Amino acid sequence: MLETTLEKMADKILALDEASLTSLWEKYKLKMEKFEPTKEWERSVIIFFIINSVRVKNHIFNERILQAQHTKPVDTPPKGKPPLKLVK
């Protein structure tokens, strides 16, 4: 049950827009830095790290996509004459 709950939370977080989350980063960073022994402070810490998690995930994802694009052989026709097909 715990795993299912975490997976549902992850799905909801993945549906959020990174740009919108990033706009909230500074707000929750400041709340987190101003320690108060309250549930609100605890929530701010969790939100701050959720935002960072999405940013890191997207950064890693984009890096891997770029790496994959650079390592794939590109299907370009040889220079010179274009490839011809035999037609009967």
PDB file of N, CA and C in Angstrom:
ATOM      1  N   MET A   1       0.809  -1.190   0.000  1.00  0.00           N
ATOM      2  CA  MET A   1       0.000   0.000   0.000  1.00  0.00           C
ATOM      3  C   MET A   1       0.858   1.263   0.000  1.00  0.00           C
ATOM      4  N   LEU A   2       1.948   1.262   0.741  1.00  0.00           N
ATOM      5  CA  LEU A   2       2.842   2.417   0.786  1.00  0.00           C
ATOM      6  C   LEU A   2       3.424   2.695  -0.597  1.00  0.00           C
ATOM      7  N   GLU A   3       3.859   1.626  -1.272  1.00  0.00           N
ATOM      8  CA  GLU A   3       4.410   1.804  -2.621  1.00  0.00           C
ATOM      9  C   GLU A   3       3.369   2.374  -3.575  1.00  0.00           C
ATOM     10  N   THR A   4       2.155   1.883  -3.485  1.00  0.00           N
ATOM     11  CA  THR A   4       1.082   2.372  -4.347  1.00  0.00           C
ATOM     12  C   THR A   4       0.841   3.858  -4.096  1.00  0.00           C
ATOM     13  N   THR A   5       0.821   4.254  -2.846  1.00  0.00           N
ATOM     14  CA  THR A   5       0.629   5.664  -2.497  1.00  0.00           C
ATOM     15  C   THR A   5       1.756   6.506  -3.065  1.00  0.00           C
ATOM     16  N   LEU A   6       3.002   6.039  -2.907  1.00  0.00           N
ATOM     17  CA  LEU A   6       4.151   6.783  -3.430  1.00  0.00           C
ATOM     18  C   LEU A   6       4.109   6.876  -4.956  1.00  0.00           C
ATOM     19  N   GLU A   7       3.710   5.801  -5.611  1.00  0.00           N
ATOM     20  CA  GLU A   7       3.618   5.814  -7.068  1.00  0.00           C
ATOM     21  C   GLU A   7       2.553   6.796  -7.540  1.00  0.00           C
ATOM     22  N   LYS A   8       1.432   6.852  -6.845  1.00  0.00           N
ATOM     23  CA  LYS A   8       0.372   7.811  -7.201  1.00  0.00           C
ATOM     24  C   LYS A   8       0.854   9.239  -6.995  1.00  0.00           C
ATOM     25  N   MET A   9       1.584   9.461  -5.897  1.00  0.00           N
ATOM     26  CA  MET A   9       2.143  10.789  -5.656  1.00  0.00           C
ATOM     27  C   MET A   9       3.125  11.163  -6.766  1.00  0.00           C
ATOM     28  N   ALA A  10       3.966  10.222  -7.153  1.00  0.00           N
ATOM     29  CA  ALA A  10       4.940  10.477  -8.219  1.00  0.00           C
ATOM     30  C   ALA A  10       4.236  10.807  -9.528  1.00  0.00           C
ATOM     31  N   ASP A  11       3.171  10.087  -9.839  1.00  0.00           N
ATOM     32  CA  ASP A  11       2.411  10.369 -11.062  1.00  0.00           C
ATOM     33  C   ASP A  11       1.845  11.782 -11.046  1.00  0.00           C
ATOM     34  N   LYS A  12       1.329  12.194  -9.913  1.00  0.00           N
ATOM     35  CA  LYS A  12       0.774  13.547  -9.799  1.00  0.00           C
ATOM     36  C   LYS A  12       1.879  14.598  -9.947  1.00  0.00           C
ATOM     37  N   ILE A  13       3.028  14.333  -9.349  1.00  0.00           N
ATOM     38  CA  ILE A  13       4.144  15.273  -9.436  1.00  0.00           C
ATOM     39  C   ILE A  13       4.662  15.357 -10.870  1.00  0.00           C
ATOM     40  N   LEU A  14       4.744  14.215 -11.545  1.00  0.00           N
ATOM     41  CA  LEU A  14       5.206  14.204 -12.927  1.00  0.00           C
ATOM     42  C   LEU A  14       4.269  14.968 -13.858  1.00  0.00           C
ATOM     43  N   ALA A  15       3.018  15.097 -13.480  1.00  0.00           N
ATOM     44  CA  ALA A  15       2.050  15.826 -14.303  1.00  0.00           C
ATOM     45  C   ALA A  15       2.187  17.343 -14.146  1.00  0.00           C
ATOM     46  N   LEU A  16       2.960  17.779 -13.164  1.00  0.00           N
ATOM     47  CA  LEU A  16       3.140  19.215 -12.938  1.00  0.00           C
ATOM     48  C   LEU A  16       4.154  19.795 -13.914  1.00  0.00           C
ATOM     49  N   ASP A  17       3.980  21.051 -14.228  1.00  0.00           N
ATOM     50  CA  ASP A  17       4.850  21.748 -15.163  1.00  0.00           C
ATOM     51  C   ASP A  17       6.110  22.236 -14.448  1.00  0.00           C
ATOM     52  N   GLU A  18       7.284  21.919 -15.008  1.00  0.00           N
ATOM     53  CA  GLU A  18       8.539  22.310 -14.366  1.00  0.00           C
ATOM     54  C   GLU A  18       8.664  23.821 -14.237  1.00  0.00           C
ATOM     55  N   ALA A  19       8.244  24.552 -15.251  1.00  0.00           N
ATOM     56  CA  ALA A  19       8.352  26.015 -15.190  1.00  0.00           C
ATOM     57  C   ALA A  19       7.520  26.578 -14.036  1.00  0.00           C
ATOM     58  N   SER A  20       6.333  26.051 -13.842  1.00  0.00           N
ATOM     59  CA  SER A  20       5.489  26.503 -12.732  1.00  0.00           C
ATOM     60  C   SER A  20       6.127  26.152 -11.389  1.00  0.00           C
ATOM     61  N   LEU A  21       6.673  24.955 -11.309  1.00  0.00           N
ATOM     62  CA  LEU A  21       7.347  24.549 -10.075  1.00  0.00           C
ATOM     63  C   LEU A  21       8.557  25.437  -9.800  1.00  0.00           C
ATOM     64  N   THR A  22       9.339  25.711 -10.835  1.00  0.00           N
ATOM     65  CA  THR A  22      10.548  26.524 -10.673  1.00  0.00           C
ATOM     66  C   THR A  22      10.201  27.924 -10.186  1.00  0.00           C
ATOM     67  N   SER A  23       9.056  28.438 -10.604  1.00  0.00           N
ATOM     68  CA  SER A  23       8.662  29.774 -10.145  1.00  0.00           C
ATOM     69  C   SER A  23       8.398  29.796  -8.635  1.00  0.00           C
ATOM     70  N   LEU A  24       8.145  28.641  -8.052  1.00  0.00           N
ATOM     71  CA  LEU A  24       7.898  28.549  -6.610  1.00  0.00           C
ATOM     72  C   LEU A  24       9.154  28.201  -5.807  1.00  0.00           C
ATOM     73  N   TRP A  25      10.245  27.905  -6.490  1.00  0.00           N
ATOM     74  CA  TRP A  25      11.461  27.433  -5.843  1.00  0.00           C
ATOM     75  C   TRP A  25      11.963  28.396  -4.774  1.00  0.00           C
ATOM     76  N   GLU A  26      12.084  29.679  -5.128  1.00  0.00           N
ATOM     77  CA  GLU A  26      12.621  30.685  -4.200  1.00  0.00           C
ATOM     78  C   GLU A  26      11.732  30.826  -2.963  1.00  0.00           C
ATOM     79  N   LYS A  27      10.425  30.822  -3.171  1.00  0.00           N
ATOM     80  CA  LYS A  27       9.480  30.950  -2.059  1.00  0.00           C
ATOM     81  C   LYS A  27       9.698  29.845  -1.030  1.00  0.00           C
ATOM     82  N   TYR A  28       9.797  28.613  -1.507  1.00  0.00           N
ATOM     83  CA  TYR A  28       9.934  27.491  -0.571  1.00  0.00           C
ATOM     84  C   TYR A  28      11.354  27.373  -0.027  1.00  0.00           C
ATOM     85  N   LYS A  29      12.315  27.861  -0.749  1.00  0.00           N
ATOM     86  CA  LYS A  29      13.693  27.901  -0.241  1.00  0.00           C
ATOM     87  C   LYS A  29      13.749  28.823   0.972  1.00  0.00           C
ATOM     88  N   LEU A  30      13.146  29.998   0.845  1.00  0.00           N
ATOM     89  CA  LEU A  30      13.137  30.953   1.957  1.00  0.00           C
ATOM     90  C   LEU A  30      12.370  30.407   3.155  1.00  0.00           C
ATOM     91  N   LYS A  31      11.226  29.780   2.912  1.00  0.00           N
ATOM     92  CA  LYS A  31      10.448  29.188   4.014  1.00  0.00           C
ATOM     93  C   LYS A  31      11.246  28.100   4.716  1.00  0.00           C
ATOM     94  N   MET A  32      11.954  27.307   3.927  1.00  0.00           N
ATOM     95  CA  MET A  32      12.725  26.209   4.492  1.00  0.00           C
ATOM     96  C   MET A  32      13.879  26.748   5.341  1.00  0.00           C
ATOM     97  N   GLU A  33      14.517  27.802   4.868  1.00  0.00           N
ATOM     98  CA  GLU A  33      15.668  28.372   5.589  1.00  0.00           C
ATOM     99  C   GLU A  33      15.276  29.020   6.913  1.00  0.00           C
ATOM    100  N   LYS A  34      14.018  29.445   7.017  1.00  0.00           N
ATOM    101  CA  LYS A  34      13.537  30.069   8.252  1.00  0.00           C
ATOM    102  C   LYS A  34      12.880  28.980   9.109  1.00  0.00           C
ATOM    103  N   PHE A  35      13.699  28.291   9.876  1.00  0.00           N
ATOM    104  CA  PHE A  35      13.207  27.151  10.650  1.00  0.00           C
ATOM    105  C   PHE A  35      12.165  27.561  11.675  1.00  0.00           C
ATOM    106  N   GLU A  36      11.091  26.802  11.692  1.00  0.00           N
ATOM    107  CA  GLU A  36      10.060  26.891  12.717  1.00  0.00           C
ATOM    108  C   GLU A  36       9.588  25.463  12.972  1.00  0.00           C
ATOM    109  N   PRO A  37       9.434  25.070  14.213  1.00  0.00           N
ATOM    110  CA  PRO A  37       8.999  23.692  14.503  1.00  0.00           C
ATOM    111  C   PRO A  37       7.499  23.507  14.251  1.00  0.00           C
ATOM    112  N   THR A  38       7.104  23.671  12.985  1.00  0.00           N
ATOM    113  CA  THR A  38       5.687  23.571  12.629  1.00  0.00           C
ATOM    114  C   THR A  38       5.502  22.634  11.439  1.00  0.00           C
ATOM    115  N   LYS A  39       4.263  22.200  11.263  1.00  0.00           N
ATOM    116  CA  LYS A  39       3.925  21.371  10.096  1.00  0.00           C
ATOM    117  C   LYS A  39       4.127  22.165   8.811  1.00  0.00           C
ATOM    118  N   GLU A  40       3.852  23.469   8.846  1.00  0.00           N
ATOM    119  CA  GLU A  40       4.031  24.310   7.653  1.00  0.00           C
ATOM    120  C   GLU A  40       5.492  24.301   7.204  1.00  0.00           C
ATOM    121  N   TRP A  41       6.425  24.402   8.170  1.00  0.00           N
ATOM    122  CA  TRP A  41       7.842  24.362   7.825  1.00  0.00           C
ATOM    123  C   TRP A  41       8.196  23.000   7.228  1.00  0.00           C
ATOM    124  N   GLU A  42       7.719  21.930   7.847  1.00  0.00           N
ATOM    125  CA  GLU A  42       7.988  20.579   7.340  1.00  0.00           C
ATOM    126  C   GLU A  42       7.456  20.425   5.921  1.00  0.00           C
ATOM    127  N   ARG A  43       6.268  20.915   5.666  1.00  0.00           N
ATOM    128  CA  ARG A  43       5.668  20.854   4.339  1.00  0.00           C
ATOM    129  C   ARG A  43       6.522  21.644   3.335  1.00  0.00           C
ATOM    130  N   SER A  44       7.013  22.799   3.761  1.00  0.00           N
ATOM    131  CA  SER A  44       7.859  23.623   2.883  1.00  0.00           C
ATOM    132  C   SER A  44       9.124  22.888   2.473  1.00  0.00           C
ATOM    133  N   VAL A  45       9.723  22.164   3.406  1.00  0.00           N
ATOM    134  CA  VAL A  45      10.929  21.391   3.099  1.00  0.00           C
ATOM    135  C   VAL A  45      10.610  20.317   2.059  1.00  0.00           C
ATOM    136  N   ILE A  46       9.522  19.605   2.252  1.00  0.00           N
ATOM    137  CA  ILE A  46       9.129  18.552   1.310  1.00  0.00           C
ATOM    138  C   ILE A  46       8.858  19.150  -0.067  1.00  0.00           C
ATOM    139  N   ILE A  47       8.125  20.253  -0.121  1.00  0.00           N
ATOM    140  CA  ILE A  47       7.817  20.895  -1.404  1.00  0.00           C
ATOM    141  C   ILE A  47       9.098  21.348  -2.094  1.00  0.00           C
ATOM    142  N   PHE A  48      10.008  21.949  -1.336  1.00  0.00           N
ATOM    143  CA  PHE A  48      11.279  22.409  -1.902  1.00  0.00           C
ATOM    144  C   PHE A  48      12.028  21.246  -2.556  1.00  0.00           C
ATOM    145  N   PHE A  49      12.072  20.115  -1.883  1.00  0.00           N
ATOM    146  CA  PHE A  49      12.792  18.975  -2.442  1.00  0.00           C
ATOM    147  C   PHE A  49      12.033  18.298  -3.580  1.00  0.00           C
ATOM    148  N   ILE A  50      10.728  18.371  -3.571  1.00  0.00           N
ATOM    149  CA  ILE A  50       9.958  17.872  -4.719  1.00  0.00           C
ATOM    150  C   ILE A  50      10.297  18.702  -5.950  1.00  0.00           C
ATOM    151  N   ILE A  51      10.321  20.026  -5.792  1.00  0.00           N
ATOM    152  CA  ILE A  51      10.669  20.903  -6.915  1.00  0.00           C
ATOM    153  C   ILE A  51      12.057  20.560  -7.428  1.00  0.00           C
ATOM    154  N   ASN A  52      13.009  20.407  -6.517  1.00  0.00           N
ATOM    155  CA  ASN A  52      14.374  20.057  -6.932  1.00  0.00           C
ATOM    156  C   ASN A  52      14.427  18.692  -7.603  1.00  0.00           C
ATOM    157  N   SER A  53      13.628  17.763  -7.120  1.00  0.00           N
ATOM    158  CA  SER A  53      13.603  16.424  -7.712  1.00  0.00           C
ATOM    159  C   SER A  53      13.147  16.463  -9.164  1.00  0.00           C
ATOM    160  N   VAL A  54      12.115  17.238  -9.430  1.00  0.00           N
ATOM    161  CA  VAL A  54      11.613  17.352 -10.799  1.00  0.00           C
ATOM    162  C   VAL A  54      12.670  18.012 -11.684  1.00  0.00           C
ATOM    163  N   ARG A  55      13.321  19.040 -11.167  1.00  0.00           N
ATOM    164  CA  ARG A  55      14.361  19.728 -11.946  1.00  0.00           C
ATOM    165  C   ARG A  55      15.525  18.789 -12.257  1.00  0.00           C
ATOM    166  N   VAL A  56      15.972  18.037 -11.277  1.00  0.00           N
ATOM    167  CA  VAL A  56      17.077  17.098 -11.476  1.00  0.00           C
ATOM    168  C   VAL A  56      16.663  15.992 -12.445  1.00  0.00           C
ATOM    169  N   LYS A  57      15.458  15.458 -12.275  1.00  0.00           N
ATOM    170  CA  LYS A  57      14.970  14.411 -13.175  1.00  0.00           C
ATOM    171  C   LYS A  57      14.961  14.905 -14.611  1.00  0.00           C
ATOM    172  N   ASN A  58      14.451  16.111 -14.835  1.00  0.00           N
ATOM    173  CA  ASN A  58      14.406  16.662 -16.190  1.00  0.00           C
ATOM    174  C   ASN A  58      15.800  16.922 -16.747  1.00  0.00           C
ATOM    175  N   HIS A  59      16.710  17.372 -15.895  1.00  0.00           N
ATOM    176  CA  HIS A  59      18.084  17.605 -16.333  1.00  0.00           C
ATOM    177  C   HIS A  59      18.740  16.294 -16.789  1.00  0.00           C
ATOM    178  N   ILE A  60      18.606  15.254 -15.985  1.00  0.00           N
ATOM    179  CA  ILE A  60      19.168  13.948 -16.333  1.00  0.00           C
ATOM    180  C   ILE A  60      18.514  13.416 -17.608  1.00  0.00           C
ATOM    181  N   PHE A  61      17.193  13.529 -17.696  1.00  0.00           N
ATOM    182  CA  PHE A  61      16.462  13.061 -18.870  1.00  0.00           C
ATOM    183  C   PHE A  61      16.972  13.756 -20.137  1.00  0.00           C
ATOM    184  N   ASN A  62      17.077  15.079 -20.089  1.00  0.00           N
ATOM    185  CA  ASN A  62      17.540  15.835 -21.253  1.00  0.00           C
ATOM    186  C   ASN A  62      18.979  15.496 -21.631  1.00  0.00           C
ATOM    187  N   GLU A  63      19.843  15.325 -20.634  1.00  0.00           N
ATOM    188  CA  GLU A  63      21.230  14.925 -20.913  1.00  0.00           C
ATOM    189  C   GLU A  63      21.283  13.578 -21.618  1.00  0.00           C
ATOM    190  N   ARG A  64      20.502  12.628 -21.139  1.00  0.00           N
ATOM    191  CA  ARG A  64      20.509  11.286 -21.734  1.00  0.00           C
ATOM    192  C   ARG A  64      19.956  11.300 -23.155  1.00  0.00           C
ATOM    193  N   ILE A  65      18.946  12.101 -23.403  1.00  0.00           N
ATOM    194  CA  ILE A  65      18.399  12.214 -24.752  1.00  0.00           C
ATOM    195  C   ILE A  65      19.465  12.780 -25.690  1.00  0.00           C
ATOM    196  N   LEU A  66      20.162  13.818 -25.247  1.00  0.00           N
ATOM    197  CA  LEU A  66      21.222  14.411 -26.069  1.00  0.00           C
ATOM    198  C   LEU A  66      22.345  13.413 -26.328  1.00  0.00           C
ATOM    199  N   GLN A  67      22.729  12.662 -25.300  1.00  0.00           N
ATOM    200  CA  GLN A  67      23.767  11.647 -25.476  1.00  0.00           C
ATOM    201  C   GLN A  67      23.333  10.603 -26.491  1.00  0.00           C
ATOM    202  N   ALA A  68      22.100  10.175 -26.410  1.00  0.00           N
ATOM    203  CA  ALA A  68      21.585   9.159 -27.333  1.00  0.00           C
ATOM    204  C   ALA A  68      21.574   9.691 -28.763  1.00  0.00           C
ATOM    205  N   GLN A  69      21.248  10.948 -28.939  1.00  0.00           N
ATOM    206  CA  GLN A  69      21.220  11.539 -30.272  1.00  0.00           C
ATOM    207  C   GLN A  69      22.619  11.643 -30.868  1.00  0.00           C
ATOM    208  N   HIS A  70      23.605  11.886 -30.032  1.00  0.00           N
ATOM    209  CA  HIS A  70      24.985  12.024 -30.521  1.00  0.00           C
ATOM    210  C   HIS A  70      25.648  10.685 -30.806  1.00  0.00           C
ATOM    211  N   THR A  71      25.160   9.621 -30.187  1.00  0.00           N
ATOM    212  CA  THR A  71      25.783   8.318 -30.394  1.00  0.00           C
ATOM    213  C   THR A  71      25.107   7.507 -31.482  1.00  0.00           C
ATOM    214  N   LYS A  72      23.894   7.907 -31.896  1.00  0.00           N
ATOM    215  CA  LYS A  72      23.195   7.187 -32.962  1.00  0.00           C
ATOM    216  C   LYS A  72      23.847   7.497 -34.304  1.00  0.00           C
ATOM    217  N   PRO A  73      24.009   6.483 -35.150  1.00  0.00           N
ATOM    218  CA  PRO A  73      24.482   6.787 -36.487  1.00  0.00           C
ATOM    219  C   PRO A  73      23.382   7.521 -37.259  1.00  0.00           C
ATOM    220  N   VAL A  74      23.794   8.539 -37.951  1.00  0.00           N
ATOM    221  CA  VAL A  74      22.832   9.341 -38.694  1.00  0.00           C
ATOM    222  C   VAL A  74      22.639   8.724 -40.068  1.00  0.00           C
ATOM    223  N   ASP A  75      21.385   8.557 -40.469  1.00  0.00           N
ATOM    224  CA  ASP A  75      21.075   7.992 -41.779  1.00  0.00           C
ATOM    225  C   ASP A  75      21.147   9.087 -42.836  1.00  0.00           C
ATOM    226  N   THR A  76      22.326   9.313 -43.331  1.00  0.00           N
ATOM    227  CA  THR A  76      22.493  10.296 -44.398  1.00  0.00           C
ATOM    228  C   THR A  76      22.971   9.569 -45.637  1.00  0.00           C
ATOM    229  N   PRO A  77      22.444   9.958 -46.784  1.00  0.00           N
ATOM    230  CA  PRO A  77      22.874   9.297 -48.008  1.00  0.00           C
ATOM    231  C   PRO A  77      24.335   9.648 -48.308  1.00  0.00           C
ATOM    232  N   PRO A  78      25.050   8.744 -48.967  1.00  0.00           N
ATOM    233  CA  PRO A  78      26.441   9.043 -49.288  1.00  0.00           C
ATOM    234  C   PRO A  78      26.515  10.231 -50.239  1.00  0.00           C
ATOM    235  N   LYS A  79      27.633  10.932 -50.145  1.00  0.00           N
ATOM    236  CA  LYS A  79      27.814  12.096 -51.014  1.00  0.00           C
ATOM    237  C   LYS A  79      28.044  11.641 -52.446  1.00  0.00           C
ATOM    238  N   GLY A  80      27.696  12.494 -53.359  1.00  0.00           N
ATOM    239  CA  GLY A  80      27.865  12.142 -54.760  1.00  0.00           C
ATOM    240  C   GLY A  80      26.522  11.822 -55.374  1.00  0.00           C
ATOM    241  N   LYS A  81      26.457  10.702 -56.038  1.00  0.00           N
ATOM    242  CA  LYS A  81      25.226  10.310 -56.720  1.00  0.00           C
ATOM    243  C   LYS A  81      24.170   9.873 -55.715  1.00  0.00           C
ATOM    244  N   PRO A  82      22.896  10.220 -55.973  1.00  0.00           N
ATOM    245  CA  PRO A  82      21.828   9.758 -55.083  1.00  0.00           C
ATOM    246  C   PRO A  82      21.596   8.268 -55.262  1.00  0.00           C
ATOM    247  N   PRO A  83      21.081   7.618 -54.219  1.00  0.00           N
ATOM    248  CA  PRO A  83      20.814   6.172 -54.361  1.00  0.00           C
ATOM    249  C   PRO A  83      19.729   5.931 -55.405  1.00  0.00           C
ATOM    250  N   LEU A  84      19.945   4.952 -56.260  1.00  0.00           N
ATOM    251  CA  LEU A  84      19.001   4.646 -57.331  1.00  0.00           C
ATOM    252  C   LEU A  84      18.329   3.313 -57.086  1.00  0.00           C
ATOM    253  N   LYS A  85      17.075   3.177 -57.539  1.00  0.00           N
ATOM    254  CA  LYS A  85      16.340   1.929 -57.429  1.00  0.00           C
ATOM    255  C   LYS A  85      16.163   1.365 -58.823  1.00  0.00           C
ATOM    256  N   LEU A  86      16.258   0.050 -58.938  1.00  0.00           N
ATOM    257  CA  LEU A  86      16.039  -0.631 -60.209  1.00  0.00           C
ATOM    258  C   LEU A  86      14.548  -0.773 -60.435  1.00  0.00           C
ATOM    259  N   VAL A  87      14.052  -0.216 -61.540  1.00  0.00           N
ATOM    260  CA  VAL A  87      12.633  -0.282 -61.867  1.00  0.00           C
ATOM    261  C   VAL A  87      12.491  -1.099 -63.136  1.00  0.00           C
ATOM    262  N   LYS A  88      11.616  -2.132 -63.153  1.00  0.00           N
ATOM    263  CA  LYS A  88      11.430  -2.960 -64.334  1.00  0.00           C
ATOM    264  C   LYS A  88      10.112  -2.701 -64.964  1.00  0.00           C
TER     265      LYS A  88
END
